Amino acid sequence: GVIVAGPWRGLSSTLEPYQAALIAWQQRSGWPVLADPLAASPNGL
């Protein structure tokens, strides 16, 4: 599979759990990530 992360449009208060879930799914799957610069990708992804 592949992860395509588009622009982040959630509330800033929900960003941290979003980033944690993104890291968790990538670690579990090993899928490559194509991230938009506006995707708020976490450092360490």
PDB file of all heavy atoms in Angstrom:
ATOM      1  N   GLY A   1       0.819  -1.207   0.000  1.00  0.00           N
ATOM      2  CA  GLY A   1       0.000   0.000   0.000  1.00  0.00           C
ATOM      3  C   GLY A   1       0.854   1.258   0.000  1.00  0.00           C
ATOM      4  O   GLY A   1       2.083   1.206   0.113  1.00  0.00           O
ATOM      5  N   VAL A   2       0.176   2.381  -0.156  1.00  0.00           N
ATOM      6  CA  VAL A   2       0.814   3.695  -0.174  1.00  0.00           C
ATOM      7  C   VAL A   2      -0.063   4.649   0.634  1.00  0.00           C
ATOM      8  O   VAL A   2      -1.296   4.563   0.597  1.00  0.00           O
ATOM      9  CB  VAL A   2       0.976   4.240  -1.614  1.00  0.00           C
ATOM     10  CG1 VAL A   2       1.571   5.639  -1.607  1.00  0.00           C
ATOM     11  CG2 VAL A   2       1.845   3.308  -2.441  1.00  0.00           C
ATOM     12  N   ILE A   3       0.560   5.568   1.354  1.00  0.00           N
ATOM     13  CA  ILE A   3      -0.151   6.621   2.076  1.00  0.00           C
ATOM     14  C   ILE A   3       0.031   7.930   1.313  1.00  0.00           C
ATOM     15  O   ILE A   3       1.162   8.326   1.015  1.00  0.00           O
ATOM     16  CB  ILE A   3       0.387   6.785   3.507  1.00  0.00           C
ATOM     17  CG1 ILE A   3       0.262   5.468   4.284  1.00  0.00           C
ATOM     18  CG2 ILE A   3      -0.355   7.907   4.234  1.00  0.00           C
ATOM     19  CD1 ILE A   3       1.011   5.473   5.603  1.00  0.00           C
ATOM     20  N   VAL A   4      -1.062   8.589   0.984  1.00  0.00           N
ATOM     21  CA  VAL A   4      -1.025   9.913   0.356  1.00  0.00           C
ATOM     22  C   VAL A   4      -1.643  10.898   1.341  1.00  0.00           C
ATOM     23  O   VAL A   4      -2.852  10.870   1.585  1.00  0.00           O
ATOM     24  CB  VAL A   4      -1.793   9.944  -0.979  1.00  0.00           C
ATOM     25  CG1 VAL A   4      -1.802  11.352  -1.558  1.00  0.00           C
ATOM     26  CG2 VAL A   4      -1.176   8.957  -1.973  1.00  0.00           C
ATOM     27  N   ALA A   5      -0.814  11.743   1.931  1.00  0.00           N
ATOM     28  CA  ALA A   5      -1.265  12.692   2.949  1.00  0.00           C
ATOM     29  C   ALA A   5      -1.467  14.060   2.311  1.00  0.00           C
ATOM     30  O   ALA A   5      -0.514  14.730   1.922  1.00  0.00           O
ATOM     31  CB  ALA A   5      -0.247  12.775   4.091  1.00  0.00           C
ATOM     32  N   GLY A   6      -2.723  14.461   2.185  1.00  0.00           N
ATOM     33  CA  GLY A   6      -3.055  15.762   1.625  1.00  0.00           C
ATOM     34  C   GLY A   6      -3.036  16.854   2.680  1.00  0.00           C
ATOM     35  O   GLY A   6      -2.669  16.622   3.837  1.00  0.00           O
ATOM     36  N   PRO A   7      -3.435  18.072   2.320  1.00  0.00           N
ATOM     37  CA  PRO A   7      -3.427  19.190   3.269  1.00  0.00           C
ATOM     38  C   PRO A   7      -4.239  18.885   4.525  1.00  0.00           C
ATOM     39  O   PRO A   7      -5.363  18.399   4.450  1.00  0.00           O
ATOM     40  CB  PRO A   7      -4.058  20.333   2.464  1.00  0.00           C
ATOM     41  CG  PRO A   7      -3.769  19.999   1.038  1.00  0.00           C
ATOM     42  CD  PRO A   7      -3.840  18.502   0.960  1.00  0.00           C
ATOM     43  N   TRP A   8      -3.663  19.182   5.681  1.00  0.00           N
ATOM     44  CA  TRP A   8      -4.331  18.984   6.963  1.00  0.00           C
ATOM     45  C   TRP A   8      -5.380  20.074   7.150  1.00  0.00           C
ATOM     46  O   TRP A   8      -5.103  21.266   7.078  1.00  0.00           O
ATOM     47  CB  TRP A   8      -3.302  19.045   8.086  1.00  0.00           C
ATOM     48  CG  TRP A   8      -3.880  19.294   9.440  1.00  0.00           C
ATOM     49  CD1 TRP A   8      -3.880  20.454  10.140  1.00  0.00           C
ATOM     50  CD2 TRP A   8      -4.542  18.328  10.271  1.00  0.00           C
ATOM     51  NE1 TRP A   8      -4.493  20.289  11.347  1.00  0.00           N
ATOM     52  CE2 TRP A   8      -4.917  18.987  11.457  1.00  0.00           C
ATOM     53  CE3 TRP A   8      -4.857  16.985  10.119  1.00  0.00           C
ATOM     54  CZ2 TRP A   8      -5.581  18.344  12.493  1.00  0.00           C
ATOM     55  CZ3 TRP A   8      -5.513  16.344  11.154  1.00  0.00           C
ATOM     56  CH2 TRP A   8      -5.865  17.017  12.318  1.00  0.00           C
ATOM     57  N   ARG A   9      -6.626  19.659   7.400  1.00  0.00           N
ATOM     58  CA  ARG A   9      -7.713  20.614   7.598  1.00  0.00           C
ATOM     59  C   ARG A   9      -8.518  20.316   8.849  1.00  0.00           C
ATOM     60  O   ARG A   9      -9.694  20.632   8.929  1.00  0.00           O
ATOM     61  CB  ARG A   9      -8.618  20.644   6.359  1.00  0.00           C
ATOM     62  CG  ARG A   9      -7.921  21.303   5.171  1.00  0.00           C
ATOM     63  CD  ARG A   9      -8.794  21.398   3.947  1.00  0.00           C
ATOM     64  NE  ARG A   9      -8.035  21.973   2.834  1.00  0.00           N
ATOM     65  CZ  ARG A   9      -8.427  21.924   1.573  1.00  0.00           C
ATOM     66  NH1 ARG A   9      -9.580  21.360   1.261  1.00  0.00           N
ATOM     67  NH2 ARG A   9      -7.686  22.455   0.608  1.00  0.00           N
ATOM     68  N   GLY A  10      -7.874  19.728   9.833  1.00  0.00           N
ATOM     69  CA  GLY A  10      -8.526  19.558  11.124  1.00  0.00           C
ATOM     70  C   GLY A  10      -8.247  20.748  12.019  1.00  0.00           C
ATOM     71  O   GLY A  10      -7.561  21.699  11.640  1.00  0.00           O
ATOM     72  N   LEU A  11      -8.792  20.706  13.226  1.00  0.00           N
ATOM     73  CA  LEU A  11      -8.480  21.723  14.224  1.00  0.00           C
ATOM     74  C   LEU A  11      -7.098  21.451  14.806  1.00  0.00           C
ATOM     75  O   LEU A  11      -6.689  20.297  14.965  1.00  0.00           O
ATOM     76  CB  LEU A  11      -9.520  21.725  15.339  1.00  0.00           C
ATOM     77  CG  LEU A  11     -10.941  22.135  14.958  1.00  0.00           C
ATOM     78  CD1 LEU A  11     -11.853  22.081  16.177  1.00  0.00           C
ATOM     79  CD2 LEU A  11     -10.960  23.521  14.334  1.00  0.00           C
ATOM     80  N   SER A  12      -6.383  22.515  15.174  1.00  0.00           N
ATOM     81  CA  SER A  12      -5.032  22.335  15.704  1.00  0.00           C
ATOM     82  C   SER A  12      -5.038  21.504  16.983  1.00  0.00           C
ATOM     83  O   SER A  12      -4.067  20.813  17.288  1.00  0.00           O
ATOM     84  CB  SER A  12      -4.382  23.698  15.965  1.00  0.00           C
ATOM     85  OG  SER A  12      -5.107  24.428  16.930  1.00  0.00           O
ATOM     86  N   SER A  13      -6.152  21.527  17.723  1.00  0.00           N
ATOM     87  CA  SER A  13      -6.237  20.747  18.959  1.00  0.00           C
ATOM     88  C   SER A  13      -6.270  19.249  18.693  1.00  0.00           C
ATOM     89  O   SER A  13      -6.010  18.456  19.597  1.00  0.00           O
ATOM     90  CB  SER A  13      -7.485  21.162  19.750  1.00  0.00           C
ATOM     91  OG  SER A  13      -8.657  20.979  18.971  1.00  0.00           O
ATOM     92  N   THR A  14      -6.606  18.845  17.470  1.00  0.00           N
ATOM     93  CA  THR A  14      -6.659  17.416  17.130  1.00  0.00           C
ATOM     94  C   THR A  14      -5.447  16.960  16.335  1.00  0.00           C
ATOM     95  O   THR A  14      -5.406  15.807  15.890  1.00  0.00           O
ATOM     96  CB  THR A  14      -7.940  17.112  16.320  1.00  0.00           C
ATOM     97  OG1 THR A  14      -7.871  17.786  15.050  1.00  0.00           O
ATOM     98  CG2 THR A  14      -9.181  17.578  17.065  1.00  0.00           C
ATOM     99  N   LEU A  15      -4.463  17.836  16.160  1.00  0.00           N
ATOM    100  CA  LEU A  15      -3.322  17.493  15.315  1.00  0.00           C
ATOM    101  C   LEU A  15      -2.446  16.412  15.932  1.00  0.00           C
ATOM    102  O   LEU A  15      -1.985  15.497  15.242  1.00  0.00           O
ATOM    103  CB  LEU A  15      -2.490  18.754  15.033  1.00  0.00           C
ATOM    104  CG  LEU A  15      -1.237  18.552  14.174  1.00  0.00           C
ATOM    105  CD1 LEU A  15      -1.597  17.928  12.837  1.00  0.00           C
ATOM    106  CD2 LEU A  15      -0.528  19.892  13.958  1.00  0.00           C
ATOM    107  N   GLU A  16      -2.198  16.488  17.222  1.00  0.00           N
ATOM    108  CA  GLU A  16      -1.284  15.525  17.853  1.00  0.00           C
ATOM    109  C   GLU A  16      -1.791  14.093  17.730  1.00  0.00           C
ATOM    110  O   GLU A  16      -1.018  13.202  17.331  1.00  0.00           O
ATOM    111  CB  GLU A  16      -1.067  15.905  19.323  1.00  0.00           C
ATOM    112  CG  GLU A  16      -0.002  15.064  20.003  1.00  0.00           C
ATOM    113  CD  GLU A  16       0.322  15.560  21.397  1.00  0.00           C
ATOM    114  OE1 GLU A  16       0.100  16.760  21.669  1.00  0.00           O
ATOM    115  OE2 GLU A  16       0.803  14.754  22.212  1.00  0.00           O
ATOM    116  N   PRO A  17      -3.070  13.808  18.037  1.00  0.00           N
ATOM    117  CA  PRO A  17      -3.531  12.414  17.837  1.00  0.00           C
ATOM    118  C   PRO A  17      -3.534  11.987  16.371  1.00  0.00           C
ATOM    119  O   PRO A  17      -3.308  10.807  16.073  1.00  0.00           O
ATOM    120  CB  PRO A  17      -4.944  12.414  18.431  1.00  0.00           C
ATOM    121  CG  PRO A  17      -5.338  13.844  18.578  1.00  0.00           C
ATOM    122  CD  PRO A  17      -4.081  14.611  18.751  1.00  0.00           C
ATOM    123  N   TYR A  18      -3.772  12.917  15.459  1.00  0.00           N
ATOM    124  CA  TYR A  18      -3.684  12.601  14.031  1.00  0.00           C
ATOM    125  C   TYR A  18      -2.259  12.164  13.686  1.00  0.00           C
ATOM    126  O   TYR A  18      -2.050  11.141  13.006  1.00  0.00           O
ATOM    127  CB  TYR A  18      -4.081  13.823  13.214  1.00  0.00           C
ATOM    128  CG  TYR A  18      -3.688  13.761  11.748  1.00  0.00           C
ATOM    129  CD1 TYR A  18      -4.514  13.152  10.812  1.00  0.00           C
ATOM    130  CD2 TYR A  18      -2.493  14.320  11.303  1.00  0.00           C
ATOM    131  CE1 TYR A  18      -4.161  13.091   9.470  1.00  0.00           C
ATOM    132  CE2 TYR A  18      -2.132  14.271   9.966  1.00  0.00           C
ATOM    133  CZ  TYR A  18      -2.965  13.657   9.052  1.00  0.00           C
ATOM    134  OH  TYR A  18      -2.602  13.608   7.732  1.00  0.00           O
ATOM    135  N   GLN A  19      -1.270  12.927  14.131  1.00  0.00           N
ATOM    136  CA  GLN A  19       0.123  12.601  13.823  1.00  0.00           C
ATOM    137  C   GLN A  19       0.527  11.266  14.449  1.00  0.00           C
ATOM    138  O   GLN A  19       1.241  10.472  13.822  1.00  0.00           O
ATOM    139  CB  GLN A  19       1.030  13.724  14.308  1.00  0.00           C
ATOM    140  CG  GLN A  19       0.859  15.018  13.527  1.00  0.00           C
ATOM    141  CD  GLN A  19       1.730  16.140  14.068  1.00  0.00           C
ATOM    142  OE1 GLN A  19       2.014  16.204  15.271  1.00  0.00           O
ATOM    143  NE2 GLN A  19       2.162  17.021  13.186  1.00  0.00           N
ATOM    144  N   ALA A  20       0.063  11.023  15.677  1.00  0.00           N
ATOM    145  CA  ALA A  20       0.394   9.748  16.336  1.00  0.00           C
ATOM    146  C   ALA A  20      -0.198   8.579  15.565  1.00  0.00           C
ATOM    147  O   ALA A  20       0.447   7.530  15.406  1.00  0.00           O
ATOM    148  CB  ALA A  20      -0.125   9.760  17.773  1.00  0.00           C
ATOM    149  N   ALA A  21      -1.420   8.741  15.063  1.00  0.00           N
ATOM    150  CA  ALA A  21      -2.042   7.662  14.292  1.00  0.00           C
ATOM    151  C   ALA A  21      -1.324   7.437  12.974  1.00  0.00           C
ATOM    152  O   ALA A  21      -1.171   6.292  12.522  1.00  0.00           O
ATOM    153  CB  ALA A  21      -3.519   7.993  14.054  1.00  0.00           C
ATOM    154  N   LEU A  22      -0.871   8.517  12.339  1.00  0.00           N
ATOM    155  CA  LEU A  22      -0.144   8.388  11.077  1.00  0.00           C
ATOM    156  C   LEU A  22       1.160   7.627  11.281  1.00  0.00           C
ATOM    157  O   LEU A  22       1.507   6.720  10.505  1.00  0.00           O
ATOM    158  CB  LEU A  22       0.129   9.782  10.499  1.00  0.00           C
ATOM    159  CG  LEU A  22       0.931   9.856   9.203  1.00  0.00           C
ATOM    160  CD1 LEU A  22       0.302   9.008   8.107  1.00  0.00           C
ATOM    161  CD2 LEU A  22       1.078  11.307   8.747  1.00  0.00           C
ATOM    162  N   ILE A  23       1.885   7.958  12.335  1.00  0.00           N
ATOM    163  CA  ILE A  23       3.127   7.248  12.643  1.00  0.00           C
ATOM    164  C   ILE A  23       2.841   5.773  12.924  1.00  0.00           C
ATOM    165  O   ILE A  23       3.546   4.872  12.439  1.00  0.00           O
ATOM    166  CB  ILE A  23       3.839   7.910  13.837  1.00  0.00           C
ATOM    167  CG1 ILE A  23       4.393   9.289  13.438  1.00  0.00           C
ATOM    168  CG2 ILE A  23       4.964   7.020  14.358  1.00  0.00           C
ATOM    169  CD1 ILE A  23       4.993  10.062  14.592  1.00  0.00           C
ATOM    170  N   ALA A  24       1.782   5.530  13.697  1.00  0.00           N
ATOM    171  CA  ALA A  24       1.469   4.151  14.074  1.00  0.00           C
ATOM    172  C   ALA A  24       1.118   3.301  12.855  1.00  0.00           C
ATOM    173  O   ALA A  24       1.576   2.152  12.728  1.00  0.00           O
ATOM    174  CB  ALA A  24       0.320   4.141  15.080  1.00  0.00           C
ATOM    175  N   TRP A  25       0.296   3.847  11.949  1.00  0.00           N
ATOM    176  CA  TRP A  25      -0.080   3.060  10.772  1.00  0.00           C
ATOM    177  C   TRP A  25       1.124   2.817   9.862  1.00  0.00           C
ATOM    178  O   TRP A  25       1.287   1.710   9.329  1.00  0.00           O
ATOM    179  CB  TRP A  25      -1.205   3.754  10.005  1.00  0.00           C
ATOM    180  CG  TRP A  25      -1.577   2.983   8.765  1.00  0.00           C
ATOM    181  CD1 TRP A  25      -1.188   3.226   7.483  1.00  0.00           C
ATOM    182  CD2 TRP A  25      -2.382   1.798   8.708  1.00  0.00           C
ATOM    183  NE1 TRP A  25      -1.705   2.280   6.629  1.00  0.00           N
ATOM    184  CE2 TRP A  25      -2.441   1.384   7.343  1.00  0.00           C
ATOM    185  CE3 TRP A  25      -3.058   1.042   9.664  1.00  0.00           C
ATOM    186  CZ2 TRP A  25      -3.147   0.264   6.946  1.00  0.00           C
ATOM    187  CZ3 TRP A  25      -3.767  -0.083   9.249  1.00  0.00           C
ATOM    188  CH2 TRP A  25      -3.808  -0.453   7.905  1.00  0.00           C
ATOM    189  N   GLN A  26       1.967   3.832   9.697  1.00  0.00           N
ATOM    190  CA  GLN A  26       3.129   3.637   8.829  1.00  0.00           C
ATOM    191  C   GLN A  26       4.074   2.590   9.412  1.00  0.00           C
ATOM    192  O   GLN A  26       4.610   1.751   8.679  1.00  0.00           O
ATOM    193  CB  GLN A  26       3.849   4.979   8.619  1.00  0.00           C
ATOM    194  CG  GLN A  26       4.812   4.995   7.441  1.00  0.00           C
ATOM    195  CD  GLN A  26       6.092   4.204   7.701  1.00  0.00           C
ATOM    196  OE1 GLN A  26       6.593   4.179   8.815  1.00  0.00           O
ATOM    197  NE2 GLN A  26       6.612   3.561   6.644  1.00  0.00           N
ATOM    198  N   GLN A  27       4.281   2.651  10.728  1.00  0.00           N
ATOM    199  CA  GLN A  27       5.167   1.667  11.355  1.00  0.00           C
ATOM    200  C   GLN A  27       4.597   0.255  11.225  1.00  0.00           C
ATOM    201  O   GLN A  27       5.345  -0.712  11.016  1.00  0.00           O
ATOM    202  CB  GLN A  27       5.371   2.020  12.833  1.00  0.00           C
ATOM    203  CG  GLN A  27       6.224   3.254  13.052  1.00  0.00           C
ATOM    204  CD  GLN A  27       6.371   3.601  14.523  1.00  0.00           C
ATOM    205  OE1 GLN A  27       5.564   3.184  15.368  1.00  0.00           O
ATOM    206  NE2 GLN A  27       7.385   4.393  14.848  1.00  0.00           N
ATOM    207  N   ARG A  28       3.281   0.161  11.363  1.00  0.00           N
ATOM    208  CA  ARG A  28       2.654  -1.171  11.282  1.00  0.00           C
ATOM    209  C   ARG A  28       2.672  -1.707   9.858  1.00  0.00           C
ATOM    210  O   ARG A  28       2.875  -2.915   9.629  1.00  0.00           O
ATOM    211  CB  ARG A  28       1.208  -1.064  11.801  1.00  0.00           C
ATOM    212  CG  ARG A  28       0.384  -2.326  11.661  1.00  0.00           C
ATOM    213  CD  ARG A  28       0.959  -3.464  12.495  1.00  0.00           C
ATOM    214  NE  ARG A  28       0.131  -4.671  12.343  1.00  0.00           N
ATOM    215  CZ  ARG A  28       0.191  -5.509  11.309  1.00  0.00           C
ATOM    216  NH1 ARG A  28       1.040  -5.270  10.303  1.00  0.00           N
ATOM    217  NH2 ARG A  28      -0.583  -6.579  11.274  1.00  0.00           N
ATOM    218  N   SER A  29       2.472  -0.832   8.871  1.00  0.00           N
ATOM    219  CA  SER A  29       2.358  -1.292   7.486  1.00  0.00           C
ATOM    220  C   SER A  29       3.673  -1.252   6.713  1.00  0.00           C
ATOM    221  O   SER A  29       3.887  -2.050   5.809  1.00  0.00           O
ATOM    222  CB  SER A  29       1.324  -0.439   6.744  1.00  0.00           C
ATOM    223  OG  SER A  29       1.790   0.900   6.614  1.00  0.00           O
ATOM    224  N   GLY A  30       4.536  -0.283   7.054  1.00  0.00           N
ATOM    225  CA  GLY A  30       5.755  -0.087   6.278  1.00  0.00           C
ATOM    226  C   GLY A  30       5.519   0.579   4.939  1.00  0.00           C
ATOM    227  O   GLY A  30       6.412   0.610   4.090  1.00  0.00           O
ATOM    228  N   TRP A  31       4.339   1.136   4.735  1.00  0.00           N
ATOM    229  CA  TRP A  31       4.009   1.752   3.447  1.00  0.00           C
ATOM    230  C   TRP A  31       4.758   3.059   3.238  1.00  0.00           C
ATOM    231  O   TRP A  31       4.971   3.828   4.186  1.00  0.00           O
ATOM    232  CB  TRP A  31       2.514   2.044   3.369  1.00  0.00           C
ATOM    233  CG  TRP A  31       1.638   0.825   3.319  1.00  0.00           C
ATOM    234  CD1 TRP A  31       2.040  -0.485   3.318  1.00  0.00           C
ATOM    235  CD2 TRP A  31       0.205   0.818   3.304  1.00  0.00           C
ATOM    236  NE1 TRP A  31       0.955  -1.318   3.276  1.00  0.00           N
ATOM    237  CE2 TRP A  31      -0.200  -0.553   3.266  1.00  0.00           C
ATOM    238  CE3 TRP A  31      -0.760   1.805   3.298  1.00  0.00           C
ATOM    239  CZ2 TRP A  31      -1.531  -0.926   3.240  1.00  0.00           C
ATOM    240  CZ3 TRP A  31      -2.100   1.431   3.265  1.00  0.00           C
ATOM    241  CH2 TRP A  31      -2.478   0.082   3.236  1.00  0.00           C
ATOM    242  N   PRO A  32       5.151   3.367   2.008  1.00  0.00           N
ATOM    243  CA  PRO A  32       5.733   4.686   1.716  1.00  0.00           C
ATOM    244  C   PRO A  32       4.674   5.780   1.847  1.00  0.00           C
ATOM    245  O   PRO A  32       3.478   5.535   1.691  1.00  0.00           O
ATOM    246  CB  PRO A  32       6.223   4.548   0.276  1.00  0.00           C
ATOM    247  CG  PRO A  32       5.436   3.419  -0.302  1.00  0.00           C
ATOM    248  CD  PRO A  32       5.117   2.486   0.825  1.00  0.00           C
ATOM    249  N   VAL A  33       5.152   7.006   2.125  1.00  0.00           N
ATOM    250  CA  VAL A  33       4.266   8.150   2.354  1.00  0.00           C
ATOM    251  C   VAL A  33       4.573   9.240   1.341  1.00  0.00           C
ATOM    252  O   VAL A  33       5.722   9.706   1.256  1.00  0.00           O
ATOM    253  CB  VAL A  33       4.434   8.718   3.779  1.00  0.00           C
ATOM    254  CG1 VAL A  33       3.461   9.885   4.009  1.00  0.00           C
ATOM    255  CG2 VAL A  33       4.224   7.629   4.825  1.00  0.00           C
ATOM    256  N   LEU A  34       3.559   9.644   0.583  1.00  0.00           N
ATOM    257  CA  LEU A  34       3.650  10.814  -0.287  1.00  0.00           C
ATOM    258  C   LEU A  34       2.914  11.938   0.418  1.00  0.00           C
ATOM    259  O   LEU A  34       1.686  11.936   0.480  1.00  0.00           O
ATOM    260  CB  LEU A  34       3.031  10.540  -1.660  1.00  0.00           C
ATOM    261  CG  LEU A  34       3.447   9.246  -2.378  1.00  0.00           C
ATOM    262  CD1 LEU A  34       2.802   9.173  -3.758  1.00  0.00           C
ATOM    263  CD2 LEU A  34       4.961   9.149  -2.484  1.00  0.00           C
ATOM    264  N   ALA A  35       3.654  12.902   0.971  1.00  0.00           N
ATOM    265  CA  ALA A  35       3.052  13.909   1.838  1.00  0.00           C
ATOM    266  C   ALA A  35       3.078  15.283   1.189  1.00  0.00           C
ATOM    267  O   ALA A  35       4.130  15.761   0.747  1.00  0.00           O
ATOM    268  CB  ALA A  35       3.768  13.952   3.187  1.00  0.00           C
ATOM    269  N   ASP A  36       1.926  15.920   1.149  1.00  0.00           N
ATOM    270  CA  ASP A  36       1.818  17.320   0.760  1.00  0.00           C
ATOM    271  C   ASP A  36       2.544  18.169   1.807  1.00  0.00           C
ATOM    272  O   ASP A  36       2.559  17.821   2.994  1.00  0.00           O
ATOM    273  CB  ASP A  36       0.335  17.700   0.703  1.00  0.00           C
ATOM    274  CG  ASP A  36       0.095  19.078   0.138  1.00  0.00           C
ATOM    275  OD1 ASP A  36       0.320  20.065   0.877  1.00  0.00           O
ATOM    276  OD2 ASP A  36      -0.328  19.203  -1.020  1.00  0.00           O
ATOM    277  N   PRO A  37       3.165  19.290   1.409  1.00  0.00           N
ATOM    278  CA  PRO A  37       3.830  20.132   2.426  1.00  0.00           C
ATOM    279  C   PRO A  37       2.863  20.672   3.471  1.00  0.00           C
ATOM    280  O   PRO A  37       3.288  21.076   4.563  1.00  0.00           O
ATOM    281  CB  PRO A  37       4.452  21.262   1.601  1.00  0.00           C
ATOM    282  CG  PRO A  37       3.753  21.239   0.287  1.00  0.00           C
ATOM    283  CD  PRO A  37       3.358  19.831   0.058  1.00  0.00           C
ATOM    284  N   LEU A  38       1.559  20.692   3.170  1.00  0.00           N
ATOM    285  CA  LEU A  38       0.568  21.199   4.114  1.00  0.00           C
ATOM    286  C   LEU A  38      -0.033  20.086   4.966  1.00  0.00           C
ATOM    287  O   LEU A  38      -0.997  20.321   5.711  1.00  0.00           O
ATOM    288  CB  LEU A  38      -0.560  21.905   3.351  1.00  0.00           C
ATOM    289  CG  LEU A  38      -0.121  22.911   2.289  1.00  0.00           C
ATOM    290  CD1 LEU A  38      -1.328  23.538   1.616  1.00  0.00           C
ATOM    291  CD2 LEU A  38       0.770  23.983   2.902  1.00  0.00           C
ATOM    292  N   ALA A  39       0.519  18.891   4.888  1.00  0.00           N
ATOM    293  CA  ALA A  39      -0.062  17.732   5.572  1.00  0.00           C
ATOM    294  C   ALA A  39       0.259  17.693   7.060  1.00  0.00           C
ATOM    295  O   ALA A  39      -0.218  16.799   7.759  1.00  0.00           O
ATOM    296  CB  ALA A  39       0.417  16.440   4.909  1.00  0.00           C
ATOM    297  N   ALA A  40       1.057  18.620   7.567  1.00  0.00           N
ATOM    298  CA  ALA A  40       1.455  18.631   8.979  1.00  0.00           C
ATOM    299  C   ALA A  40       2.099  17.315   9.375  1.00  0.00           C
ATOM    300  O   ALA A  40       1.845  16.773  10.459  1.00  0.00           O
ATOM    301  CB  ALA A  40       0.253  18.949   9.879  1.00  0.00           C
ATOM    302  N   SER A  41       2.943  16.785   8.499  1.00  0.00           N
ATOM    303  CA  SER A  41       3.621  15.522   8.773  1.00  0.00           C
ATOM    304  C   SER A  41       4.513  15.659  10.000  1.00  0.00           C
ATOM    305  O   SER A  41       5.259  16.634  10.120  1.00  0.00           O
ATOM    306  CB  SER A  41       4.467  15.097   7.571  1.00  0.00           C
ATOM    307  OG  SER A  41       3.667  14.956   6.424  1.00  0.00           O
ATOM    308  N   PRO A  42       4.458  14.696  10.921  1.00  0.00           N
ATOM    309  CA  PRO A  42       5.282  14.804  12.129  1.00  0.00           C
ATOM    310  C   PRO A  42       6.744  14.515  11.854  1.00  0.00           C
ATOM    311  O   PRO A  42       7.085  13.721  10.968  1.00  0.00           O
ATOM    312  CB  PRO A  42       4.678  13.747  13.049  1.00  0.00           C
ATOM    313  CG  PRO A  42       4.083  12.741  12.113  1.00  0.00           C
ATOM    314  CD  PRO A  42       3.595  13.511  10.927  1.00  0.00           C
ATOM    315  N   ASN A  43       7.596  15.157  12.615  1.00  0.00           N
ATOM    316  CA  ASN A  43       9.023  14.858  12.546  1.00  0.00           C
ATOM    317  C   ASN A  43       9.235  13.436  13.054  1.00  0.00           C
ATOM    318  O   ASN A  43       8.687  13.051  14.068  1.00  0.00           O
ATOM    319  CB  ASN A  43       9.801  15.854  13.409  1.00  0.00           C
ATOM    320  CG  ASN A  43      11.296  15.768  13.160  1.00  0.00           C
ATOM    321  OD1 ASN A  43      11.728  15.194  12.166  1.00  0.00           O
ATOM    322  ND2 ASN A  43      12.084  16.313  14.059  1.00  0.00           N
ATOM    323  N   GLY A  44       9.980  12.669  12.334  1.00  0.00           N
ATOM    324  CA  GLY A  44      10.196  11.285  12.740  1.00  0.00           C
ATOM    325  C   GLY A  44       9.324  10.283  12.020  1.00  0.00           C
ATOM    326  O   GLY A  44       9.436   9.077  12.261  1.00  0.00           O
ATOM    327  N   LEU A  45       8.440  10.764  11.132  1.00  0.00           N
ATOM    328  CA  LEU A  45       7.623   9.851  10.334  1.00  0.00           C
ATOM    329  C   LEU A  45       8.520   9.108   9.343  1.00  0.00           C
ATOM    330  O   LEU A  45       9.251   9.722   8.573  1.00  0.00           O
ATOM    331  CB  LEU A  45       6.539  10.635   9.592  1.00  0.00           C
ATOM    332  CG  LEU A  45       5.642   9.849   8.637  1.00  0.00           C
ATOM    333  CD1 LEU A  45       4.793   8.839   9.410  1.00  0.00           C
ATOM    334  CD2 LEU A  45       4.763  10.789   7.831  1.00  0.00           C
TER     335      LEU A  45
END
